[in-house]
Amino acid sequence: MSYHKGPLLTFPINLYLIWYGQWNPSAQSIIRDFLLSLSSPFLPSPSVPGWWRTVTYYTDQNNVNITSKLVLASEYFDTSYSQGNSLTRTTVQSVIKAAITSFPNALPLDTQQGAYLILTSPDVQMEEFCRGVCGFHYFTSPSIVGATVPFAWIGHSGIQCPGMCAFPFASPPGNPGFQVLGSPSGDPATDGMVSVLAHELGEMATDPYISGWYAGDDPAAPNEIGDLCEGIYGTGGGSGFVGNVYRSSDGVSYNVNGANGRKFMIQWIWDPVRQNARTIHSYLEEFDYLLKYFNSDGQSYKIALYMVLAYLYQLLGAERR
């Protein structure tokens, strides 16, 4: 994993969500809660913000960290399938164009802090979906959208390829004996989509213009921070084993806590300091990690102080209960 000197998403990120097609409101609620979790303070550990903290350890050429602030700024509902129900990597950019030019509820074209997420419903097909990809990120062409902004697309695999894109909540192709895990929300395809969304968000922040952090020498086929940890959700994961994760008494599997009482199961990402797949487990572990591995700069101590205060807050809350 190396840095290729390009810009990263170090500024607070405004997330613009585009719902393409016909969506079940309960599925939308799961995805919204995950996005709201990214910057939610004081969630029980392990948490979604704890997972994102690994992303924030990546820095740009000015030694500025990836932001820890992600805001769900606005949503757009393209229920009329403005670009049809079969998309390509090019026409998906026209979905963004339609969203920012629609009247009267257009999304803004946010060239300073914006990142656009196109989520397609189960009946929408995408070039290479279910064969090579479950999601991808890239940046828009000014000739189509009017500016260059980062975006990601993620497809709902429920009726097309749950075994590929809703893993480990569905049996992968060629492995019918795989022990399927109980999905956190009882919706395997949407829970799988959340993990893909997490994967793409982390990579979009660290490599928004395919000139940031990735392994290998070919920018046309970069191995990014999620790719290096594909299929790993807990300690000991790899070679088809998801790793050690939490399992509740009702059969639900998860590895992070989220907003509004949600639990999620999201893929681990590459840690730039420890040089392995990793996520954050607890405030105490995080504090020890920061003190041990970071240089004595102001930003690191600010993060460490935040961790201590957050942990004390959690302890006080537990005492009150």
Protein backbone atom coordinates (compact mmCIF):
# COMPACT_ATOMS: atom_id res chain seq x y z
CA MET A 1 0.00 0.00 0.00
CA SER A 2 1.52 3.33 -1.05
CA TYR A 3 0.47 6.92 -1.54
CA HIS A 4 0.46 8.38 -5.05
CA LYS A 5 0.35 12.07 -4.06
CA GLY A 6 -3.23 12.82 -5.10
CA PRO A 7 -5.93 14.58 -3.05
CA LEU A 8 -7.86 12.73 -0.34
CA LEU A 9 -11.16 13.53 1.38
CA THR A 10 -9.68 15.41 4.32
CA PHE A 11 -12.53 17.93 4.55
CA PRO A 12 -15.89 17.15 6.24
CA ILE A 13 -17.82 15.06 3.73
CA ASN A 14 -21.36 15.89 2.63
CA LEU A 15 -22.96 12.66 1.49
CA TYR A 16 -25.65 12.99 -1.19
CA LEU A 17 -27.76 9.87 -1.43
CA ILE A 18 -29.53 8.97 -4.67
CA TRP A 19 -32.15 6.23 -4.38
CA TYR A 20 -32.53 4.85 -7.89
CA GLY A 21 -35.61 2.76 -8.63
CA GLN A 22 -38.31 1.41 -6.34
CA TRP A 23 -37.13 0.93 -2.75
CA ASN A 24 -38.55 -0.76 0.32
CA PRO A 25 -38.69 1.83 3.13
CA SER A 26 -37.32 -0.64 5.68
CA ALA A 27 -34.23 -1.24 3.52
CA GLN A 28 -33.76 2.51 3.18
CA SER A 29 -33.95 2.87 6.95
CA ILE A 30 -31.15 0.31 7.47
CA ILE A 31 -28.84 2.11 5.04
CA ARG A 32 -29.65 5.55 6.45
CA ASP A 33 -28.88 4.38 9.97
CA PHE A 34 -25.50 3.08 8.83
CA LEU A 35 -24.60 6.40 7.23
CA LEU A 36 -25.79 8.29 10.31
CA SER A 37 -23.64 5.98 12.45
CA LEU A 38 -20.40 7.08 10.81
CA SER A 39 -20.17 10.28 12.84
CA SER A 40 -22.43 9.38 15.77
CA PRO A 41 -20.65 9.99 19.09
CA PHE A 42 -20.55 7.62 22.05
CA LEU A 43 -21.91 4.46 20.48
CA PRO A 44 -21.17 1.20 22.32
CA SER A 45 -17.89 -0.31 21.18
CA PRO A 46 -17.09 -1.82 18.81
CA SER A 47 -18.78 0.87 16.76
CA VAL A 48 -19.13 2.16 13.21
CA PRO A 49 -17.15 5.35 14.07
CA GLY A 50 -14.45 3.10 15.56
CA TRP A 51 -14.27 1.24 12.26
CA TRP A 52 -14.01 4.56 10.37
CA ARG A 53 -11.15 5.72 12.60
CA THR A 54 -8.86 3.33 10.76
CA VAL A 55 -9.72 5.26 7.57
CA THR A 56 -8.75 8.54 9.29
CA TYR A 57 -5.19 7.29 9.84
CA TYR A 58 -4.48 7.84 6.14
CA THR A 59 -2.91 11.22 5.40
CA ASP A 60 -2.25 13.33 2.33
CA GLN A 61 1.04 14.89 1.23
CA ASN A 62 0.54 17.69 3.77
CA ASN A 63 0.12 15.12 6.55
CA VAL A 64 -3.58 15.99 6.93
CA ASN A 65 -5.76 13.08 8.01
CA ILE A 66 -8.91 11.82 6.31
CA THR A 67 -11.89 13.50 7.96
CA SER A 68 -13.90 11.89 10.73
CA LYS A 69 -16.97 13.99 9.86
CA LEU A 70 -19.49 12.58 7.40
CA VAL A 71 -22.92 14.16 7.10
CA LEU A 72 -25.94 12.78 5.30
CA ALA A 73 -26.60 16.11 3.61
CA SER A 74 -29.51 15.34 1.30
CA GLU A 75 -31.39 12.61 -0.53
CA TYR A 76 -32.90 12.32 -3.99
CA PHE A 77 -35.47 9.75 -5.14
CA ASP A 78 -35.25 8.71 -8.79
CA THR A 79 -38.32 6.47 -8.75
CA SER A 80 -38.94 6.90 -12.49
CA TYR A 81 -35.66 5.18 -13.51
CA SER A 82 -34.47 8.27 -15.40
CA GLN A 83 -31.72 6.30 -17.18
CA GLY A 84 -33.65 3.03 -17.54
CA ASN A 85 -33.23 -0.17 -15.52
CA SER A 86 -29.93 -1.22 -17.11
CA LEU A 87 -26.97 1.05 -16.33
CA THR A 88 -23.31 1.26 -17.28
CA ARG A 89 -20.35 2.96 -15.62
CA THR A 90 -20.98 5.91 -17.92
CA THR A 91 -24.76 6.19 -17.70
CA VAL A 92 -24.66 6.01 -13.89
CA GLN A 93 -23.05 9.46 -14.04
CA SER A 94 -26.15 10.65 -15.88
CA VAL A 95 -28.13 9.56 -12.81
CA ILE A 96 -26.15 12.16 -10.85
CA LYS A 97 -26.75 14.72 -13.60
CA ALA A 98 -30.50 14.08 -13.41
CA ALA A 99 -30.43 14.45 -9.62
CA ILE A 100 -28.66 17.83 -9.69
CA THR A 101 -30.82 19.29 -12.47
CA SER A 102 -34.22 18.00 -11.39
CA PHE A 103 -36.92 20.52 -10.51
CA PRO A 104 -37.90 21.36 -7.82
CA ASN A 105 -35.96 19.01 -5.51
CA ALA A 106 -32.51 18.91 -7.08
CA LEU A 107 -29.38 17.98 -5.18
CA PRO A 108 -26.65 20.64 -5.15
CA LEU A 109 -23.52 20.16 -7.20
CA ASP A 110 -21.15 20.29 -4.24
CA THR A 111 -17.65 20.55 -5.67
CA GLN A 112 -16.01 21.39 -2.35
CA GLN A 113 -17.23 18.75 0.09
CA GLY A 114 -19.66 16.55 -1.82
CA ALA A 115 -19.59 12.81 -2.39
CA TYR A 116 -22.48 11.15 -4.23
CA LEU A 117 -23.85 7.68 -3.50
CA ILE A 118 -26.05 5.98 -6.10
CA LEU A 119 -27.94 3.02 -4.66
CA THR A 120 -29.90 0.94 -7.17
CA SER A 121 -32.96 -1.14 -6.31
CA PRO A 122 -33.11 -4.94 -6.76
CA ASP A 123 -34.55 -4.77 -10.28
CA VAL A 124 -31.81 -2.53 -11.71
CA GLN A 125 -28.95 -4.12 -13.64
CA MET A 126 -25.46 -2.66 -13.85
CA GLU A 127 -22.56 -3.41 -16.14
CA GLU A 128 -20.46 -6.18 -14.48
CA PHE A 129 -22.81 -6.38 -11.48
CA CYS A 130 -22.83 -9.90 -10.02
CA ARG A 131 -19.95 -10.91 -12.27
CA GLY A 132 -17.07 -8.64 -11.36
CA VAL A 133 -18.39 -6.08 -8.88
CA CYS A 134 -20.94 -5.47 -6.15
CA GLY A 135 -20.11 -1.77 -6.05
CA PHE A 136 -17.48 0.66 -7.27
CA HIS A 137 -16.33 4.23 -6.81
CA TYR A 138 -14.90 6.73 -9.26
CA PHE A 139 -15.19 10.43 -10.12
CA THR A 140 -17.53 12.23 -12.50
CA SER A 141 -16.69 13.64 -15.89
CA PRO A 142 -17.27 17.41 -16.28
CA SER A 143 -18.73 16.75 -19.73
CA ILE A 144 -21.54 14.73 -18.14
CA VAL A 145 -22.09 16.18 -14.67
CA GLY A 146 -20.52 19.62 -15.05
CA ALA A 147 -17.71 19.11 -12.55
CA THR A 148 -15.41 16.46 -11.13
CA VAL A 149 -16.78 15.02 -7.88
CA PRO A 150 -16.27 11.60 -6.24
CA PHE A 151 -19.12 9.10 -6.36
CA ALA A 152 -19.88 5.49 -5.57
CA TRP A 153 -22.45 3.05 -6.88
CA ILE A 154 -23.75 0.06 -4.90
CA GLY A 155 -26.36 -2.40 -6.15
CA HIS A 156 -29.01 -4.33 -4.22
CA SER A 157 -28.32 -8.01 -4.91
CA GLY A 158 -31.51 -9.49 -3.47
CA ILE A 159 -32.91 -11.05 -6.66
CA GLN A 160 -29.74 -11.08 -8.77
CA CYS A 161 -26.76 -12.47 -6.84
CA PRO A 162 -27.10 -12.63 -3.04
CA GLY A 163 -24.46 -15.37 -2.88
CA MET A 164 -21.89 -13.00 -4.29
CA CYS A 165 -22.87 -9.60 -2.93
CA ALA A 166 -24.74 -10.47 0.28
CA PHE A 167 -21.93 -12.69 1.64
CA PRO A 168 -21.73 -13.95 4.40
CA PHE A 169 -25.51 -13.82 4.76
CA ALA A 170 -26.00 -16.03 1.69
CA SER A 171 -24.07 -19.03 0.36
CA PRO A 172 -21.33 -18.02 -2.08
CA PRO A 173 -21.36 -19.58 -5.57
CA GLY A 174 -19.71 -23.00 -5.61
CA ASN A 175 -19.88 -23.43 -1.85
CA PRO A 176 -23.38 -24.68 -1.00
CA GLY A 177 -22.15 -26.02 2.36
CA PHE A 178 -21.15 -22.59 3.63
CA GLN A 179 -22.65 -21.85 7.03
CA VAL A 180 -24.71 -18.74 6.37
CA LEU A 181 -24.61 -16.14 9.16
CA GLY A 182 -27.72 -14.46 10.51
CA SER A 183 -27.95 -10.92 9.15
CA PRO A 184 -28.09 -8.10 11.72
CA SER A 185 -31.31 -6.55 10.40
CA GLY A 186 -33.02 -9.69 9.14
CA ASP A 187 -32.56 -8.47 5.56
CA PRO A 188 -29.55 -10.33 4.10
CA ALA A 189 -29.36 -8.42 0.81
CA THR A 190 -29.54 -4.98 2.43
CA ASP A 191 -27.13 -5.94 5.21
CA GLY A 192 -24.74 -7.19 2.54
CA MET A 193 -25.20 -3.92 0.70
CA VAL A 194 -24.19 -2.01 3.85
CA SER A 195 -20.87 -3.86 3.93
CA VAL A 196 -20.23 -3.06 0.26
CA LEU A 197 -21.16 0.57 0.95
CA ALA A 198 -18.66 0.70 3.83
CA HIS A 199 -15.98 -0.81 1.59
CA GLU A 200 -16.56 1.80 -1.13
CA LEU A 201 -16.79 4.73 1.28
CA GLY A 202 -13.42 3.89 2.80
CA GLU A 203 -11.84 3.59 -0.62
CA MET A 204 -13.50 6.74 -1.93
CA ALA A 205 -12.09 8.74 1.01
CA THR A 206 -8.55 7.40 0.59
CA ASP A 207 -8.45 7.23 -3.22
CA PRO A 208 -11.16 9.53 -4.60
CA TYR A 209 -9.46 10.28 -7.93
CA ILE A 210 -7.43 7.06 -8.31
CA SER A 211 -4.30 8.95 -7.33
CA GLY A 212 -4.33 8.38 -3.58
CA TRP A 213 -3.69 5.24 -1.53
CA TYR A 214 -3.57 1.88 -3.30
CA ALA A 215 -1.30 -1.10 -3.82
CA GLY A 216 0.20 -2.00 -7.17
CA ASP A 217 1.48 0.03 -10.08
CA ASP A 218 -1.59 0.08 -12.29
CA PRO A 219 -4.12 2.86 -11.50
CA ALA A 220 -6.57 1.13 -13.84
CA ALA A 221 -6.68 -1.84 -11.45
CA PRO A 222 -5.71 -0.55 -8.01
CA ASN A 223 -5.84 -2.71 -4.89
CA GLU A 224 -7.36 -0.31 -2.39
CA ILE A 225 -7.85 -0.44 1.37
CA GLY A 226 -10.99 -2.57 1.15
CA ASP A 227 -9.74 -4.88 -1.58
CA LEU A 228 -6.81 -6.03 0.56
CA CYS A 229 -9.23 -7.24 3.25
CA GLU A 230 -11.93 -8.78 1.09
CA GLY A 231 -14.07 -11.24 3.07
CA ILE A 232 -12.51 -10.46 6.47
CA TYR A 233 -14.93 -9.38 9.20
CA GLY A 234 -13.16 -10.41 12.38
CA THR A 235 -9.94 -11.66 13.94
CA GLY A 236 -8.54 -14.76 12.29
CA GLY A 237 -10.44 -14.10 9.07
CA GLY A 238 -9.19 -15.12 5.65
CA SER A 239 -9.25 -18.01 3.17
CA GLY A 240 -13.04 -18.18 3.23
CA PHE A 241 -13.38 -17.76 6.99
CA VAL A 242 -15.04 -14.45 7.91
CA GLY A 243 -13.29 -14.32 11.29
CA ASN A 244 -14.52 -14.22 14.85
CA VAL A 245 -17.59 -12.01 15.10
CA TYR A 246 -20.29 -11.40 17.67
CA ARG A 247 -23.35 -13.63 17.71
CA SER A 248 -26.46 -12.77 19.69
CA SER A 249 -28.82 -15.29 21.30
CA ASP A 250 -31.29 -14.89 18.42
CA GLY A 251 -28.71 -15.94 15.82
CA VAL A 252 -27.75 -12.48 14.59
CA SER A 253 -24.10 -11.95 13.60
CA TYR A 254 -22.46 -8.54 13.74
CA ASN A 255 -19.14 -6.81 14.34
CA VAL A 256 -20.07 -3.15 15.01
CA ASN A 257 -22.79 -1.19 16.78
CA GLY A 258 -24.57 1.66 15.03
CA ALA A 259 -27.06 4.45 15.54
CA ASN A 260 -30.64 3.86 16.67
CA GLY A 261 -29.73 0.53 18.23
CA ARG A 262 -28.63 -1.00 14.94
CA LYS A 263 -25.97 -3.64 14.55
CA PHE A 264 -23.98 -4.09 11.36
CA MET A 265 -21.51 -6.54 9.88
CA ILE A 266 -19.00 -4.65 7.76
CA GLN A 267 -15.77 -5.73 6.16
CA TRP A 268 -12.45 -4.79 7.72
CA ILE A 269 -10.07 -2.40 5.97
CA TRP A 270 -6.30 -2.11 5.67
CA ASP A 271 -4.57 -0.41 8.59
CA PRO A 272 -1.76 1.83 7.26
CA VAL A 273 0.28 1.64 10.47
CA ARG A 274 -0.01 -2.00 11.48
CA GLN A 275 0.01 -3.06 7.84
CA ASN A 276 -2.79 -5.60 8.15
CA ALA A 277 -6.56 -5.89 8.00
CA ARG A 278 -7.97 -4.31 11.10
CA THR A 279 -10.86 -2.59 12.79
CA ILE A 280 -11.14 -0.88 16.16
CA HIS A 281 -12.55 -2.83 19.10
CA SER A 282 -12.59 -0.51 22.10
CA TYR A 283 -11.71 2.98 23.27
CA LEU A 284 -8.97 1.66 25.56
CA GLU A 285 -7.37 -0.32 22.76
CA GLU A 286 -7.58 2.73 20.52
CA PHE A 287 -6.00 5.02 23.11
CA ASP A 288 -3.12 2.61 23.66
CA TYR A 289 -2.72 2.27 19.89
CA LEU A 290 -2.51 6.03 19.38
CA LEU A 291 0.04 6.55 22.13
CA LYS A 292 2.20 3.70 20.90
CA TYR A 293 2.18 4.24 17.17
CA PHE A 294 1.64 7.92 16.43
CA ASN A 295 4.20 10.68 16.48
CA SER A 296 3.81 13.30 19.18
CA ASP A 297 1.88 15.80 17.12
CA GLY A 298 -1.09 17.88 18.15
CA GLN A 299 -3.60 16.05 15.97
CA SER A 300 -2.75 12.67 17.47
CA TYR A 301 -3.09 13.93 21.02
CA LYS A 302 -6.41 15.54 20.16
CA ILE A 303 -7.69 12.22 18.88
CA ALA A 304 -6.28 10.39 21.91
CA LEU A 305 -7.92 12.88 24.30
CA TYR A 306 -11.22 12.41 22.49
CA MET A 307 -10.93 8.65 22.93
CA VAL A 308 -10.32 8.98 26.67
CA LEU A 309 -13.24 11.35 27.14
CA ALA A 310 -15.52 9.15 25.06
CA TYR A 311 -14.51 6.07 27.04
CA LEU A 312 -15.12 7.86 30.37
CA TYR A 313 -18.50 9.02 29.08
CA GLN A 314 -19.35 5.44 28.22
CA LEU A 315 -18.31 4.23 31.68
CA LEU A 316 -20.38 6.92 33.40
CA GLY A 317 -23.36 5.98 31.26
CA ALA A 318 -22.95 2.35 32.22
CA GLU A 319 -22.78 3.31 35.92
CA ARG A 320 -26.05 5.23 35.65
CA ARG A 321 -27.77 2.25 34.06
